[in-house]
Amino acid sequence: MFREVANLAEKNFTEVTAHDREEIRSAQVMLGVSIIYLGFAYFLPKYLLIVIIMGLLLRTTVTQIARLINRVPRIHH
């Protein structure tokens, strides 16, 4: 859905911000991680919680590194 919104914005000559690109990338990563979770849930259910915690830590680490590299400002809600 994020990708569609970004594509529509570009067609209407609206700028896609760094935050928008980060959200698109984050959604793609979470889709991949969710597929891994499903695989673990089916084949190795007793290790699922460990994999979920590792996934959360990985996502947090990757997001922080991406923000440092791209200097994407944090948005406070």
PDB file of N, CA and C in Angstrom:
ATOM      1  N   MET A   1       0.825  -1.176   0.000  1.00  0.00           N
ATOM      2  CA  MET A   1       0.000   0.000   0.000  1.00  0.00           C
ATOM      3  C   MET A   1       0.882   1.256   0.000  1.00  0.00           C
ATOM      4  N   PHE A   2       1.963   1.223   0.777  1.00  0.00           N
ATOM      5  CA  PHE A   2       2.865   2.375   0.796  1.00  0.00           C
ATOM      6  C   PHE A   2       3.431   2.640  -0.600  1.00  0.00           C
ATOM      7  N   ARG A   3       3.774   1.569  -1.296  1.00  0.00           N
ATOM      8  CA  ARG A   3       4.347   1.722  -2.629  1.00  0.00           C
ATOM      9  C   ARG A   3       3.339   2.377  -3.575  1.00  0.00           C
ATOM     10  N   GLU A   4       2.083   1.969  -3.474  1.00  0.00           N
ATOM     11  CA  GLU A   4       1.043   2.559  -4.325  1.00  0.00           C
ATOM     12  C   GLU A   4       0.883   4.052  -4.050  1.00  0.00           C
ATOM     13  N   VAL A   5       0.895   4.416  -2.797  1.00  0.00           N
ATOM     14  CA  VAL A   5       0.774   5.831  -2.435  1.00  0.00           C
ATOM     15  C   VAL A   5       1.964   6.616  -2.977  1.00  0.00           C
ATOM     16  N   ALA A   6       3.157   6.042  -2.859  1.00  0.00           N
ATOM     17  CA  ALA A   6       4.349   6.719  -3.376  1.00  0.00           C
ATOM     18  C   ALA A   6       4.277   6.847  -4.890  1.00  0.00           C
ATOM     19  N   ASN A   7       3.823   5.807  -5.570  1.00  0.00           N
ATOM     20  CA  ASN A   7       3.689   5.876  -7.029  1.00  0.00           C
ATOM     21  C   ASN A   7       2.676   6.941  -7.439  1.00  0.00           C
ATOM     22  N   LEU A   8       1.558   7.012  -6.727  1.00  0.00           N
ATOM     23  CA  LEU A   8       0.554   8.042  -7.026  1.00  0.00           C
ATOM     24  C   LEU A   8       1.112   9.445  -6.786  1.00  0.00           C
ATOM     25  N   ALA A   9       1.880   9.579  -5.707  1.00  0.00           N
ATOM     26  CA  ALA A   9       2.469  10.882  -5.397  1.00  0.00           C
ATOM     27  C   ALA A   9       3.421  11.311  -6.504  1.00  0.00           C
ATOM     28  N   GLU A  10       4.237  10.379  -6.992  1.00  0.00           N
ATOM     29  CA  GLU A  10       5.178  10.722  -8.058  1.00  0.00           C
ATOM     30  C   GLU A  10       4.449  11.072  -9.352  1.00  0.00           C
ATOM     31  N   LYS A  11       3.336  10.383  -9.640  1.00  0.00           N
ATOM     32  CA  LYS A  11       2.566  10.689 -10.845  1.00  0.00           C
ATOM     33  C   LYS A  11       1.951  12.080 -10.764  1.00  0.00           C
ATOM     34  N   ASN A  12       1.626  12.517  -9.555  1.00  0.00           N
ATOM     35  CA  ASN A  12       1.035  13.844  -9.354  1.00  0.00           C
ATOM     36  C   ASN A  12       2.096  14.893  -9.052  1.00  0.00           C
ATOM     37  N   PHE A  13       3.365  14.549  -9.289  1.00  0.00           N
ATOM     38  CA  PHE A  13       4.498  15.443  -9.078  1.00  0.00           C
ATOM     39  C   PHE A  13       4.600  15.924  -7.625  1.00  0.00           C
ATOM     40  N   THR A  14       4.232  15.052  -6.703  1.00  0.00           N
ATOM     41  CA  THR A  14       4.373  15.341  -5.282  1.00  0.00           C
ATOM     42  C   THR A  14       5.638  14.646  -4.795  1.00  0.00           C
ATOM     43  N   GLU A  15       6.404  15.331  -3.985  1.00  0.00           N
ATOM     44  CA  GLU A  15       7.668  14.773  -3.514  1.00  0.00           C
ATOM     45  C   GLU A  15       7.423  13.653  -2.504  1.00  0.00           C
ATOM     46  N   VAL A  16       8.152  12.555  -2.674  1.00  0.00           N
ATOM     47  CA  VAL A  16       8.133  11.461  -1.716  1.00  0.00           C
ATOM     48  C   VAL A  16       9.272  11.743  -0.738  1.00  0.00           C
ATOM     49  N   THR A  17       8.938  11.896   0.533  1.00  0.00           N
ATOM     50  CA  THR A  17       9.940  12.271   1.532  1.00  0.00           C
ATOM     51  C   THR A  17      10.787  11.073   1.943  1.00  0.00           C
ATOM     52  N   ALA A  18      11.876  11.369   2.621  1.00  0.00           N
ATOM     53  CA  ALA A  18      12.748  10.315   3.143  1.00  0.00           C
ATOM     54  C   ALA A  18      11.977   9.443   4.126  1.00  0.00           C
ATOM     55  N   HIS A  19      11.096  10.054   4.883  1.00  0.00           N
ATOM     56  CA  HIS A  19      10.287   9.283   5.834  1.00  0.00           C
ATOM     57  C   HIS A  19       9.365   8.311   5.090  1.00  0.00           C
ATOM     58  N   ASP A  20       8.794   8.767   3.984  1.00  0.00           N
ATOM     59  CA  ASP A  20       7.933   7.895   3.183  1.00  0.00           C
ATOM     60  C   ASP A  20       8.721   6.713   2.636  1.00  0.00           C
ATOM     61  N   ARG A  21       9.931   6.980   2.142  1.00  0.00           N
ATOM     62  CA  ARG A  21      10.773   5.888   1.635  1.00  0.00           C
ATOM     63  C   ARG A  21      11.132   4.921   2.749  1.00  0.00           C
ATOM     64  N   GLU A  22      11.383   5.439   3.948  1.00  0.00           N
ATOM     65  CA  GLU A  22      11.693   4.579   5.090  1.00  0.00           C
ATOM     66  C   GLU A  22      10.493   3.698   5.441  1.00  0.00           C
ATOM     67  N   GLU A  23       9.304   4.249   5.374  1.00  0.00           N
ATOM     68  CA  GLU A  23       8.095   3.474   5.655  1.00  0.00           C
ATOM     69  C   GLU A  23       7.893   2.367   4.624  1.00  0.00           C
ATOM     70  N   ILE A  24       8.155   2.672   3.359  1.00  0.00           N
ATOM     71  CA  ILE A  24       8.026   1.662   2.303  1.00  0.00           C
ATOM     72  C   ILE A  24       9.022   0.539   2.545  1.00  0.00           C
ATOM     73  N   ARG A  25      10.264   0.890   2.820  1.00  0.00           N
ATOM     74  CA  ARG A  25      11.313  -0.109   3.084  1.00  0.00           C
ATOM     75  C   ARG A  25      10.954  -0.939   4.316  1.00  0.00           C
ATOM     76  N   SER A  26      10.457  -0.290   5.339  1.00  0.00           N
ATOM     77  CA  SER A  26      10.083  -0.987   6.565  1.00  0.00           C
ATOM     78  C   SER A  26       8.954  -1.981   6.312  1.00  0.00           C
ATOM     79  N   ALA A  27       7.975  -1.585   5.507  1.00  0.00           N
ATOM     80  CA  ALA A  27       6.865  -2.487   5.190  1.00  0.00           C
ATOM     81  C   ALA A  27       7.353  -3.698   4.408  1.00  0.00           C
ATOM     82  N   GLN A  28       8.288  -3.501   3.498  1.00  0.00           N
ATOM     83  CA  GLN A  28       8.839  -4.613   2.730  1.00  0.00           C
ATOM     84  C   GLN A  28       9.596  -5.579   3.633  1.00  0.00           C
ATOM     85  N   VAL A  29      10.388  -5.033   4.536  1.00  0.00           N
ATOM     86  CA  VAL A  29      11.144  -5.876   5.467  1.00  0.00           C
ATOM     87  C   VAL A  29      10.191  -6.661   6.362  1.00  0.00           C
ATOM     88  N   MET A  30       9.161  -6.001   6.862  1.00  0.00           N
ATOM     89  CA  MET A  30       8.223  -6.685   7.750  1.00  0.00           C
ATOM     90  C   MET A  30       7.451  -7.784   7.025  1.00  0.00           C
ATOM     91  N   LEU A  31       7.172  -7.607   5.745  1.00  0.00           N
ATOM     92  CA  LEU A  31       6.534  -8.669   4.969  1.00  0.00           C
ATOM     93  C   LEU A  31       7.438  -9.890   4.907  1.00  0.00           C
ATOM     94  N   GLY A  32       8.714  -9.670   4.619  1.00  0.00           N
ATOM     95  CA  GLY A  32       9.669 -10.775   4.579  1.00  0.00           C
ATOM     96  C   GLY A  32       9.823 -11.457   5.929  1.00  0.00           C
ATOM     97  N   VAL A  33       9.905 -10.667   6.975  1.00  0.00           N
ATOM     98  CA  VAL A  33      10.046 -11.221   8.328  1.00  0.00           C
ATOM     99  C   VAL A  33       8.799 -12.008   8.713  1.00  0.00           C
ATOM    100  N   SER A  34       7.637 -11.534   8.326  1.00  0.00           N
ATOM    101  CA  SER A  34       6.390 -12.250   8.639  1.00  0.00           C
ATOM    102  C   SER A  34       6.345 -13.612   7.968  1.00  0.00           C
ATOM    103  N   ILE A  35       6.869 -13.698   6.755  1.00  0.00           N
ATOM    104  CA  ILE A  35       6.932 -14.996   6.074  1.00  0.00           C
ATOM    105  C   ILE A  35       7.865 -15.942   6.821  1.00  0.00           C
ATOM    106  N   ILE A  36       8.972 -15.426   7.316  1.00  0.00           N
ATOM    107  CA  ILE A  36       9.889 -16.246   8.117  1.00  0.00           C
ATOM    108  C   ILE A  36       9.190 -16.707   9.392  1.00  0.00           C
ATOM    109  N   TYR A  37       8.454 -15.814  10.045  1.00  0.00           N
ATOM    110  CA  TYR A  37       7.716 -16.186  11.256  1.00  0.00           C
ATOM    111  C   TYR A  37       6.745 -17.330  10.974  1.00  0.00           C
ATOM    112  N   LEU A  38       6.037 -17.243   9.864  1.00  0.00           N
ATOM    113  CA  LEU A  38       5.088 -18.306   9.514  1.00  0.00           C
ATOM    114  C   LEU A  38       5.796 -19.639   9.318  1.00  0.00           C
ATOM    115  N   GLY A  39       6.948 -19.605   8.681  1.00  0.00           N
ATOM    116  CA  GLY A  39       7.723 -20.833   8.497  1.00  0.00           C
ATOM    117  C   GLY A  39       8.151 -21.432   9.820  1.00  0.00           C
ATOM    118  N   PHE A  40       8.648 -20.599  10.723  1.00  0.00           N
ATOM    119  CA  PHE A  40       9.046 -21.093  12.037  1.00  0.00           C
ATOM    120  C   PHE A  40       7.841 -21.585  12.835  1.00  0.00           C
ATOM    121  N   ALA A  41       6.741 -20.881  12.737  1.00  0.00           N
ATOM    122  CA  ALA A  41       5.534 -21.288  13.473  1.00  0.00           C
ATOM    123  C   ALA A  41       5.068 -22.666  13.020  1.00  0.00           C
ATOM    124  N   TYR A  42       5.226 -22.959  11.752  1.00  0.00           N
ATOM    125  CA  TYR A  42       4.770 -24.237  11.228  1.00  0.00           C
ATOM    126  C   TYR A  42       5.762 -25.365  11.524  1.00  0.00           C
ATOM    127  N   PHE A  43       7.054 -25.123  11.247  1.00  0.00           N
ATOM    128  CA  PHE A  43       8.041 -26.190  11.349  1.00  0.00           C
ATOM    129  C   PHE A  43       8.728 -26.287  12.711  1.00  0.00           C
ATOM    130  N   LEU A  44       8.961 -25.167  13.367  1.00  0.00           N
ATOM    131  CA  LEU A  44       9.676 -25.147  14.648  1.00  0.00           C
ATOM    132  C   LEU A  44       8.961 -24.223  15.638  1.00  0.00           C
ATOM    133  N   PRO A  45       7.758 -24.565  16.035  1.00  0.00           N
ATOM    134  CA  PRO A  45       6.977 -23.633  16.873  1.00  0.00           C
ATOM    135  C   PRO A  45       7.618 -23.295  18.217  1.00  0.00           C
ATOM    136  N   LYS A  46       8.410 -24.210  18.770  1.00  0.00           N
ATOM    137  CA  LYS A  46       8.981 -23.909  20.087  1.00  0.00           C
ATOM    138  C   LYS A  46      10.078 -22.840  20.022  1.00  0.00           C
ATOM    139  N   TYR A  47      10.569 -22.519  18.813  1.00  0.00           N
ATOM    140  CA  TYR A  47      11.580 -21.477  18.665  1.00  0.00           C
ATOM    141  C   TYR A  47      10.999 -20.162  18.152  1.00  0.00           C
ATOM    142  N   LEU A  48       9.707 -20.098  17.972  1.00  0.00           N
ATOM    143  CA  LEU A  48       9.081 -18.919  17.373  1.00  0.00           C
ATOM    144  C   LEU A  48       9.316 -17.654  18.196  1.00  0.00           C
ATOM    145  N   LEU A  49       9.177 -17.713  19.501  1.00  0.00           N
ATOM    146  CA  LEU A  49       9.359 -16.518  20.329  1.00  0.00           C
ATOM    147  C   LEU A  49      10.778 -15.975  20.199  1.00  0.00           C
ATOM    148  N   ILE A  50      11.755 -16.855  20.143  1.00  0.00           N
ATOM    149  CA  ILE A  50      13.148 -16.421  19.972  1.00  0.00           C
ATOM    150  C   ILE A  50      13.313 -15.715  18.630  1.00  0.00           C
ATOM    151  N   VAL A  51      12.719 -16.273  17.590  1.00  0.00           N
ATOM    152  CA  VAL A  51      12.826 -15.679  16.252  1.00  0.00           C
ATOM    153  C   VAL A  51      12.119 -14.325  16.212  1.00  0.00           C
ATOM    154  N   ILE A  52      10.978 -14.201  16.867  1.00  0.00           N
ATOM    155  CA  ILE A  52      10.260 -12.921  16.903  1.00  0.00           C
ATOM    156  C   ILE A  52      11.105 -11.853  17.600  1.00  0.00           C
ATOM    157  N   ILE A  53      11.705 -12.200  18.722  1.00  0.00           N
ATOM    158  CA  ILE A  53      12.557 -11.242  19.445  1.00  0.00           C
ATOM    159  C   ILE A  53      13.747 -10.841  18.596  1.00  0.00           C
ATOM    160  N   MET A  54      14.368 -11.817  17.920  1.00  0.00           N
ATOM    161  CA  MET A  54      15.497 -11.502  17.039  1.00  0.00           C
ATOM    162  C   MET A  54      15.052 -10.597  15.895  1.00  0.00           C
ATOM    163  N   GLY A  55      13.866 -10.835  15.350  1.00  0.00           N
ATOM    164  CA  GLY A  55      13.338 -10.002  14.275  1.00  0.00           C
ATOM    165  C   GLY A  55      13.110  -8.571  14.725  1.00  0.00           C
ATOM    166  N   LEU A  56      12.571  -8.405  15.927  1.00  0.00           N
ATOM    167  CA  LEU A  56      12.350  -7.056  16.455  1.00  0.00           C
ATOM    168  C   LEU A  56      13.663  -6.323  16.682  1.00  0.00           C
ATOM    169  N   LEU A  57      14.638  -7.032  17.222  1.00  0.00           N
ATOM    170  CA  LEU A  57      15.949  -6.419  17.438  1.00  0.00           C
ATOM    171  C   LEU A  57      16.608  -6.053  16.110  1.00  0.00           C
ATOM    172  N   LEU A  58      16.481  -6.937  15.129  1.00  0.00           N
ATOM    173  CA  LEU A  58      17.062  -6.671  13.816  1.00  0.00           C
ATOM    174  C   LEU A  58      16.399  -5.455  13.179  1.00  0.00           C
ATOM    175  N   ARG A  59      15.081  -5.386  13.249  1.00  0.00           N
ATOM    176  CA  ARG A  59      14.367  -4.245  12.656  1.00  0.00           C
ATOM    177  C   ARG A  59      14.771  -2.937  13.322  1.00  0.00           C
ATOM    178  N   THR A  60      14.881  -2.945  14.634  1.00  0.00           N
ATOM    179  CA  THR A  60      15.288  -1.742  15.356  1.00  0.00           C
ATOM    180  C   THR A  60      16.698  -1.328  14.962  1.00  0.00           C
ATOM    181  N   THR A  61      17.594  -2.294  14.891  1.00  0.00           N
ATOM    182  CA  THR A  61      18.983  -2.004  14.526  1.00  0.00           C
ATOM    183  C   THR A  61      19.080  -1.470  13.107  1.00  0.00           C
ATOM    184  N   VAL A  62      18.419  -2.118  12.169  1.00  0.00           N
ATOM    185  CA  VAL A  62      18.469  -1.686  10.768  1.00  0.00           C
ATOM    186  C   VAL A  62      17.870  -0.292  10.620  1.00  0.00           C
ATOM    187  N   THR A  63      16.779  -0.025  11.310  1.00  0.00           N
ATOM    188  CA  THR A  63      16.142   1.289  11.233  1.00  0.00           C
ATOM    189  C   THR A  63      17.078   2.371  11.765  1.00  0.00           C
ATOM    190  N   GLN A  64      17.722   2.103  12.884  1.00  0.00           N
ATOM    191  CA  GLN A  64      18.633   3.096  13.465  1.00  0.00           C
ATOM    192  C   GLN A  64      19.827   3.343  12.553  1.00  0.00           C
ATOM    193  N   ILE A  65      20.368   2.283  11.953  1.00  0.00           N
ATOM    194  CA  ILE A  65      21.500   2.444  11.034  1.00  0.00           C
ATOM    195  C   ILE A  65      21.068   3.229   9.797  1.00  0.00           C
ATOM    196  N   ALA A  66      19.892   2.909   9.260  1.00  0.00           N
ATOM    197  CA  ALA A  66      19.389   3.624   8.088  1.00  0.00           C
ATOM    198  C   ALA A  66      19.187   5.103   8.408  1.00  0.00           C
ATOM    199  N   ARG A  67      18.706   5.403   9.584  1.00  0.00           N
ATOM    200  CA  ARG A  67      18.505   6.807   9.972  1.00  0.00           C
ATOM    201  C   ARG A  67      19.834   7.535  10.089  1.00  0.00           C
ATOM    202  N   LEU A  68      20.841   6.832  10.613  1.00  0.00           N
ATOM    203  CA  LEU A  68      22.156   7.465  10.716  1.00  0.00           C
ATOM    204  C   LEU A  68      22.755   7.714   9.335  1.00  0.00           C
ATOM    205  N   ILE A  69      22.610   6.736   8.453  1.00  0.00           N
ATOM    206  CA  ILE A  69      23.173   6.866   7.109  1.00  0.00           C
ATOM    207  C   ILE A  69      22.430   7.927   6.311  1.00  0.00           C
ATOM    208  N   ASN A  70      21.112   7.879   6.346  1.00  0.00           N
ATOM    209  CA  ASN A  70      20.291   8.789   5.542  1.00  0.00           C
ATOM    210  C   ASN A  70      19.935  10.074   6.261  1.00  0.00           C
ATOM    211  N   ARG A  71      20.262  10.132   7.534  1.00  0.00           N
ATOM    212  CA  ARG A  71      19.925  11.289   8.355  1.00  0.00           C
ATOM    213  C   ARG A  71      18.449  11.626   8.280  1.00  0.00           C
ATOM    214  N   VAL A  72      17.634  10.588   8.431  1.00  0.00           N
ATOM    215  CA  VAL A  72      16.185  10.762   8.427  1.00  0.00           C
ATOM    216  C   VAL A  72      15.782  11.236   9.827  1.00  0.00           C
ATOM    217  N   PRO A  73      15.102  12.356   9.906  1.00  0.00           N
ATOM    218  CA  PRO A  73      14.706  12.848  11.227  1.00  0.00           C
ATOM    219  C   PRO A  73      13.637  11.955  11.851  1.00  0.00           C
ATOM    220  N   ARG A  74      13.708  11.813  13.143  1.00  0.00           N
ATOM    221  CA  ARG A  74      12.700  11.051  13.875  1.00  0.00           C
ATOM    222  C   ARG A  74      11.427  11.845  13.966  1.00  0.00           C
ATOM    223  N   ILE A  75      10.316  11.160  13.796  1.00  0.00           N
ATOM    224  CA  ILE A  75       9.023  11.824  13.890  1.00  0.00           C
ATOM    225  C   ILE A  75       8.408  11.424  15.216  1.00  0.00           C
ATOM    226  N   HIS A  76       8.119  12.401  16.034  1.00  0.00           N
ATOM    227  CA  HIS A  76       7.513  12.128  17.345  1.00  0.00           C
ATOM    228  C   HIS A  76       6.012  12.265  17.237  1.00  0.00           C
ATOM    229  N   HIS A  77       5.319  11.270  17.738  1.00  0.00           N
ATOM    230  CA  HIS A  77       3.854  11.296  17.710  1.00  0.00           C
ATOM    231  C   HIS A  77       3.321  11.656  19.064  1.00  0.00           C
TER     232      HIS A  77
END
